[in-house]
Amino acid sequence: MKQNRKVLSLILVLAMFIGLMSSSTHKIQALIGYSVNIDGNITDGVVAADKTKDITKGETVTLTVTADSDYIFKSISVTTETETIETTEVVKGKTYTFKMPDSNVNVTAEFEKGSIAVLIDVGEGHESLFTEDALDLMRIYFGVKKATIEGNIIKLEGVNSNFSENDINEKIWYFLLRNR
């Protein structure tokens, strides 16, 4: 009987120790922080995080997406082992943020072959700014195969998604005004 009590006491102590260890693992992880793991199999573009280690729950993580030449960004996904984490688009096709959950996350992204056609309406009365030199500069700067003018519309075909609409507008006006 005395020996049974020792065995039972030992089993009880062992069970309590295992219980404490399993609940404290989560607490220890919370103290040292969580990680952002970017999928190493992403092709045709790159995703970078502003931080990847020692991130606390609720901290904002920023992801920057860059498509390879001749590719455009399609989607991004941030997941834990059990759920998909909501991302917020900061700059369309370029920058996304999310709040760190209380676990490590995995990030993956998809890119697809293609390019963007951009139509810029420069307004009536500005047609005199359109010169072949300005179009040549746009073709070179944006790496496009085709830049055309139709009335007061500039059409750029094949613009890489790494340029935001704002970048394109600013540069087009720069090229137009520089070459008048």
C-alpha atoms as a PDB file:
ATOM      1  CA  MET A   1       0.000   0.000   0.000  1.00  0.00           C
ATOM      2  CA  LYS A   2       2.824   2.362   0.913  1.00  0.00           C
ATOM      3  CA  GLN A   3       4.565   1.623  -2.356  1.00  0.00           C
ATOM      4  CA  ASN A   4       1.343   2.263  -4.322  1.00  0.00           C
ATOM      5  CA  ARG A   5       1.077   5.702  -2.696  1.00  0.00           C
ATOM      6  CA  LYS A   6       4.641   6.530  -3.796  1.00  0.00           C
ATOM      7  CA  VAL A   7       3.898   5.443  -7.363  1.00  0.00           C
ATOM      8  CA  LEU A   8       0.601   7.355  -7.359  1.00  0.00           C
ATOM      9  CA  SER A   9       2.331  10.463  -5.914  1.00  0.00           C
ATOM     10  CA  LEU A  10       5.065  10.203  -8.545  1.00  0.00           C
ATOM     11  CA  ILE A  11       2.484   9.907 -11.336  1.00  0.00           C
ATOM     12  CA  LEU A  12       0.582  12.895  -9.943  1.00  0.00           C
ATOM     13  CA  VAL A  13       3.749  15.039  -9.747  1.00  0.00           C
ATOM     14  CA  LEU A  14       4.732  13.989 -13.286  1.00  0.00           C
ATOM     15  CA  ALA A  15       1.251  14.849 -14.628  1.00  0.00           C
ATOM     16  CA  MET A  16       1.361  18.272 -12.947  1.00  0.00           C
ATOM     17  CA  PHE A  17       4.834  18.930 -14.416  1.00  0.00           C
ATOM     18  CA  ILE A  18       3.696  17.992 -17.946  1.00  0.00           C
ATOM     19  CA  GLY A  19       0.605  20.208 -17.547  1.00  0.00           C
ATOM     20  CA  LEU A  20       2.712  23.160 -16.407  1.00  0.00           C
ATOM     21  CA  MET A  21       5.175  22.698 -19.258  1.00  0.00           C
ATOM     22  CA  SER A  22       2.513  22.584 -21.973  1.00  0.00           C
ATOM     23  CA  SER A  23       0.790  25.765 -20.767  1.00  0.00           C
ATOM     24  CA  SER A  24       4.050  27.586 -20.164  1.00  0.00           C
ATOM     25  CA  THR A  25       5.320  26.883 -23.700  1.00  0.00           C
ATOM     26  CA  HIS A  26       2.710  29.327 -25.007  1.00  0.00           C
ATOM     27  CA  LYS A  27       3.676  31.845 -22.306  1.00  0.00           C
ATOM     28  CA  ILE A  28       7.381  31.492 -23.096  1.00  0.00           C
ATOM     29  CA  GLN A  29       6.664  31.975 -26.823  1.00  0.00           C
ATOM     30  CA  ALA A  30       4.702  35.151 -26.017  1.00  0.00           C
ATOM     31  CA  LEU A  31       7.638  36.504 -24.019  1.00  0.00           C
ATOM     32  CA  ILE A  32      10.223  35.904 -26.734  1.00  0.00           C
ATOM     33  CA  GLY A  33       7.930  36.856 -29.618  1.00  0.00           C
ATOM     34  CA  TYR A  34       6.642  35.300 -32.787  1.00  0.00           C
ATOM     35  CA  SER A  35       8.058  34.947 -36.298  1.00  0.00           C
ATOM     36  CA  VAL A  36       7.043  35.818 -39.846  1.00  0.00           C
ATOM     37  CA  ASN A  37       8.121  33.065 -42.229  1.00  0.00           C
ATOM     38  CA  ILE A  38       8.133  34.044 -45.905  1.00  0.00           C
ATOM     39  CA  ASP A  39       7.612  31.117 -48.272  1.00  0.00           C
ATOM     40  CA  GLY A  40      10.892  30.303 -49.985  1.00  0.00           C
ATOM     41  CA  ASN A  41       9.018  28.858 -52.976  1.00  0.00           C
ATOM     42  CA  ILE A  42       7.557  32.182 -54.148  1.00  0.00           C
ATOM     43  CA  THR A  43       8.402  32.681 -57.816  1.00  0.00           C
ATOM     44  CA  ASP A  44       8.203  35.636 -60.206  1.00  0.00           C
ATOM     45  CA  GLY A  45       8.447  38.193 -57.407  1.00  0.00           C
ATOM     46  CA  VAL A  46       9.604  38.898 -53.869  1.00  0.00           C
ATOM     47  CA  VAL A  47       7.892  39.571 -50.542  1.00  0.00           C
ATOM     48  CA  ALA A  48       9.818  41.290 -47.749  1.00  0.00           C
ATOM     49  CA  ALA A  49       8.711  41.950 -44.161  1.00  0.00           C
ATOM     50  CA  ASP A  50       9.873  44.927 -42.102  1.00  0.00           C
ATOM     51  CA  LYS A  51      10.384  42.514 -39.196  1.00  0.00           C
ATOM     52  CA  THR A  52      10.560  38.728 -39.046  1.00  0.00           C
ATOM     53  CA  LYS A  53      11.515  37.781 -35.457  1.00  0.00           C
ATOM     54  CA  ASP A  54      10.613  38.625 -31.873  1.00  0.00           C
ATOM     55  CA  ILE A  55       7.268  40.179 -32.844  1.00  0.00           C
ATOM     56  CA  THR A  56       4.699  40.593 -30.088  1.00  0.00           C
ATOM     57  CA  LYS A  57       0.989  39.936 -30.415  1.00  0.00           C
ATOM     58  CA  GLY A  58      -0.825  42.977 -31.843  1.00  0.00           C
ATOM     59  CA  GLU A  59       2.303  44.516 -33.377  1.00  0.00           C
ATOM     60  CA  THR A  60       1.884  45.784 -36.967  1.00  0.00           C
ATOM     61  CA  VAL A  61       3.961  44.005 -39.611  1.00  0.00           C
ATOM     62  CA  THR A  62       4.470  45.591 -43.045  1.00  0.00           C
ATOM     63  CA  LEU A  63       4.917  43.422 -46.132  1.00  0.00           C
ATOM     64  CA  THR A  64       6.375  44.847 -49.340  1.00  0.00           C
ATOM     65  CA  VAL A  65       5.624  43.069 -52.611  1.00  0.00           C
ATOM     66  CA  THR A  66       7.795  43.424 -55.735  1.00  0.00           C
ATOM     67  CA  ALA A  67       6.942  41.671 -58.995  1.00  0.00           C
ATOM     68  CA  ASP A  68       9.694  40.546 -61.358  1.00  0.00           C
ATOM     69  CA  SER A  69       9.869  42.212 -64.759  1.00  0.00           C
ATOM     70  CA  ASP A  70       6.957  41.143 -67.014  1.00  0.00           C
ATOM     71  CA  TYR A  71       4.959  39.893 -64.000  1.00  0.00           C
ATOM     72  CA  ILE A  72       2.195  41.449 -61.943  1.00  0.00           C
ATOM     73  CA  PHE A  73       1.195  40.847 -58.348  1.00  0.00           C
ATOM     74  CA  LYS A  74      -1.897  38.638 -57.953  1.00  0.00           C
ATOM     75  CA  SER A  75      -2.412  37.868 -54.234  1.00  0.00           C
ATOM     76  CA  ILE A  76      -0.871  37.635 -50.787  1.00  0.00           C
ATOM     77  CA  SER A  77      -1.768  35.298 -47.936  1.00  0.00           C
ATOM     78  CA  VAL A  78      -0.808  35.388 -44.252  1.00  0.00           C
ATOM     79  CA  THR A  79      -1.735  32.280 -42.249  1.00  0.00           C
ATOM     80  CA  THR A  80      -1.161  30.563 -38.929  1.00  0.00           C
ATOM     81  CA  GLU A  81      -1.553  26.824 -38.501  1.00  0.00           C
ATOM     82  CA  THR A  82      -5.280  27.313 -37.936  1.00  0.00           C
ATOM     83  CA  GLU A  83      -6.431  30.566 -39.536  1.00  0.00           C
ATOM     84  CA  THR A  84      -5.978  33.137 -42.285  1.00  0.00           C
ATOM     85  CA  ILE A  85      -4.914  36.561 -41.012  1.00  0.00           C
ATOM     86  CA  GLU A  86      -6.540  39.640 -42.505  1.00  0.00           C
ATOM     87  CA  THR A  87      -4.195  41.982 -44.375  1.00  0.00           C
ATOM     88  CA  THR A  88      -4.746  45.669 -45.086  1.00  0.00           C
ATOM     89  CA  GLU A  89      -3.734  47.081 -48.447  1.00  0.00           C
ATOM     90  CA  VAL A  90      -1.680  50.251 -47.925  1.00  0.00           C
ATOM     91  CA  VAL A  91      -0.431  50.765 -51.489  1.00  0.00           C
ATOM     92  CA  LYS A  92      -2.270  48.709 -54.107  1.00  0.00           C
ATOM     93  CA  GLY A  93      -0.150  45.799 -55.256  1.00  0.00           C
ATOM     94  CA  LYS A  94       2.880  46.948 -53.253  1.00  0.00           C
ATOM     95  CA  THR A  95       2.438  47.283 -49.484  1.00  0.00           C
ATOM     96  CA  TYR A  96       0.289  45.357 -47.019  1.00  0.00           C
ATOM     97  CA  THR A  97       0.075  45.280 -43.226  1.00  0.00           C
ATOM     98  CA  PHE A  98      -1.349  42.903 -40.638  1.00  0.00           C
ATOM     99  CA  LYS A  99      -1.542  42.655 -36.857  1.00  0.00           C
ATOM    100  CA  MET A 100       0.598  39.860 -35.445  1.00  0.00           C
ATOM    101  CA  PRO A 101      -1.534  37.113 -33.859  1.00  0.00           C
ATOM    102  CA  ASP A 102      -0.400  35.078 -30.877  1.00  0.00           C
ATOM    103  CA  SER A 103       1.437  32.558 -33.047  1.00  0.00           C
ATOM    104  CA  ASN A 104       3.976  32.379 -35.860  1.00  0.00           C
ATOM    105  CA  VAL A 105       2.696  33.184 -39.358  1.00  0.00           C
ATOM    106  CA  ASN A 106       3.519  32.048 -42.875  1.00  0.00           C
ATOM    107  CA  VAL A 107       3.411  34.445 -45.834  1.00  0.00           C
ATOM    108  CA  THR A 108       3.009  33.464 -49.452  1.00  0.00           C
ATOM    109  CA  ALA A 109       2.259  35.446 -52.593  1.00  0.00           C
ATOM    110  CA  GLU A 110       1.312  34.777 -56.184  1.00  0.00           C
ATOM    111  CA  PHE A 111       2.447  36.620 -59.283  1.00  0.00           C
ATOM    112  CA  GLU A 112       1.294  36.101 -62.840  1.00  0.00           C
ATOM    113  CA  LYS A 113       2.720  36.805 -66.265  1.00  0.00           C
ATOM    114  CA  GLY A 114       1.436  40.070 -67.622  1.00  0.00           C
ATOM    115  CA  SER A 115       1.667  43.794 -67.503  1.00  0.00           C
ATOM    116  CA  ILE A 116      -0.568  46.766 -67.000  1.00  0.00           C
ATOM    117  CA  ALA A 117      -1.908  49.109 -69.642  1.00  0.00           C
ATOM    118  CA  VAL A 118      -2.160  52.642 -68.298  1.00  0.00           C
ATOM    119  CA  LEU A 119      -4.320  55.382 -69.815  1.00  0.00           C
ATOM    120  CA  ILE A 120      -3.500  58.913 -68.726  1.00  0.00           C
ATOM    121  CA  ASP A 121      -5.861  61.750 -69.599  1.00  0.00           C
ATOM    122  CA  VAL A 122      -3.733  64.890 -69.491  1.00  0.00           C
ATOM    123  CA  GLY A 123      -6.699  67.156 -70.191  1.00  0.00           C
ATOM    124  CA  GLU A 124      -7.606  69.238 -73.171  1.00  0.00           C
ATOM    125  CA  GLY A 125      -5.188  71.869 -74.411  1.00  0.00           C
ATOM    126  CA  HIS A 126      -2.017  69.981 -73.422  1.00  0.00           C
ATOM    127  CA  GLU A 127      -1.564  68.125 -76.721  1.00  0.00           C
ATOM    128  CA  SER A 128       1.295  70.473 -77.663  1.00  0.00           C
ATOM    129  CA  LEU A 129       3.351  68.887 -74.878  1.00  0.00           C
ATOM    130  CA  PHE A 130       3.274  65.518 -76.628  1.00  0.00           C
ATOM    131  CA  THR A 131       6.561  65.000 -78.425  1.00  0.00           C
ATOM    132  CA  GLU A 132       8.314  61.888 -79.701  1.00  0.00           C
ATOM    133  CA  ASP A 133      11.151  62.624 -77.256  1.00  0.00           C
ATOM    134  CA  ALA A 134       8.716  62.584 -74.333  1.00  0.00           C
ATOM    135  CA  LEU A 135       7.236  59.273 -75.534  1.00  0.00           C
ATOM    136  CA  ASP A 136      10.727  57.793 -75.959  1.00  0.00           C
ATOM    137  CA  LEU A 137      11.628  58.775 -72.387  1.00  0.00           C
ATOM    138  CA  MET A 138       8.401  57.185 -71.119  1.00  0.00           C
ATOM    139  CA  ARG A 139       9.105  53.983 -73.048  1.00  0.00           C
ATOM    140  CA  ILE A 140      12.615  53.778 -71.584  1.00  0.00           C
ATOM    141  CA  TYR A 141      11.752  54.821 -68.014  1.00  0.00           C
ATOM    142  CA  PHE A 142       8.715  52.554 -67.644  1.00  0.00           C
ATOM    143  CA  GLY A 143      10.261  49.759 -69.725  1.00  0.00           C
ATOM    144  CA  VAL A 144       7.203  49.629 -71.962  1.00  0.00           C
ATOM    145  CA  LYS A 145       7.099  48.295 -75.476  1.00  0.00           C
ATOM    146  CA  LYS A 146       4.410  50.670 -76.672  1.00  0.00           C
ATOM    147  CA  ALA A 147       3.545  54.260 -75.787  1.00  0.00           C
ATOM    148  CA  THR A 148       0.980  56.042 -77.951  1.00  0.00           C
ATOM    149  CA  ILE A 149      -0.950  59.284 -77.979  1.00  0.00           C
ATOM    150  CA  GLU A 150      -4.604  59.456 -78.970  1.00  0.00           C
ATOM    151  CA  GLY A 151      -5.992  62.980 -78.642  1.00  0.00           C
ATOM    152  CA  ASN A 152      -5.259  64.012 -75.065  1.00  0.00           C
ATOM    153  CA  ILE A 153      -4.760  60.389 -73.864  1.00  0.00           C
ATOM    154  CA  ILE A 154      -1.370  58.749 -73.363  1.00  0.00           C
ATOM    155  CA  LYS A 155      -1.503  54.964 -73.480  1.00  0.00           C
ATOM    156  CA  LEU A 156       1.375  52.968 -71.984  1.00  0.00           C
ATOM    157  CA  GLU A 157       1.207  49.231 -72.601  1.00  0.00           C
ATOM    158  CA  GLY A 158       3.268  46.809 -70.556  1.00  0.00           C
ATOM    159  CA  VAL A 159       3.905  48.887 -67.433  1.00  0.00           C
ATOM    160  CA  ASN A 160       5.311  46.722 -64.646  1.00  0.00           C
ATOM    161  CA  SER A 161       3.130  46.651 -61.526  1.00  0.00           C
ATOM    162  CA  ASN A 162       6.034  47.993 -59.445  1.00  0.00           C
ATOM    163  CA  PHE A 163       4.999  51.513 -60.495  1.00  0.00           C
ATOM    164  CA  SER A 164       2.094  53.020 -58.603  1.00  0.00           C
ATOM    165  CA  GLU A 165      -0.480  55.178 -60.388  1.00  0.00           C
ATOM    166  CA  ASN A 166       0.962  58.196 -58.585  1.00  0.00           C
ATOM    167  CA  ASP A 167       4.518  57.344 -59.772  1.00  0.00           C
ATOM    168  CA  ILE A 168       3.295  57.077 -63.343  1.00  0.00           C
ATOM    169  CA  ASN A 169       1.356  60.359 -63.267  1.00  0.00           C
ATOM    170  CA  GLU A 170       4.251  62.284 -61.732  1.00  0.00           C
ATOM    171  CA  LYS A 171       6.808  60.926 -64.192  1.00  0.00           C
ATOM    172  CA  ILE A 172       4.585  61.471 -67.233  1.00  0.00           C
ATOM    173  CA  TRP A 173       4.137  65.140 -66.352  1.00  0.00           C
ATOM    174  CA  TYR A 174       7.878  65.419 -65.721  1.00  0.00           C
ATOM    175  CA  PHE A 175       8.666  63.966 -69.171  1.00  0.00           C
ATOM    176  CA  LEU A 176       6.044  66.129 -70.898  1.00  0.00           C
ATOM    177  CA  LEU A 177       7.134  69.389 -69.305  1.00  0.00           C
ATOM    178  CA  ARG A 178      10.859  68.602 -69.645  1.00  0.00           C
ATOM    179  CA  ASN A 179      10.606  68.140 -73.386  1.00  0.00           C
ATOM    180  CA  ARG A 180       8.411  71.080 -74.416  1.00  0.00           C
END
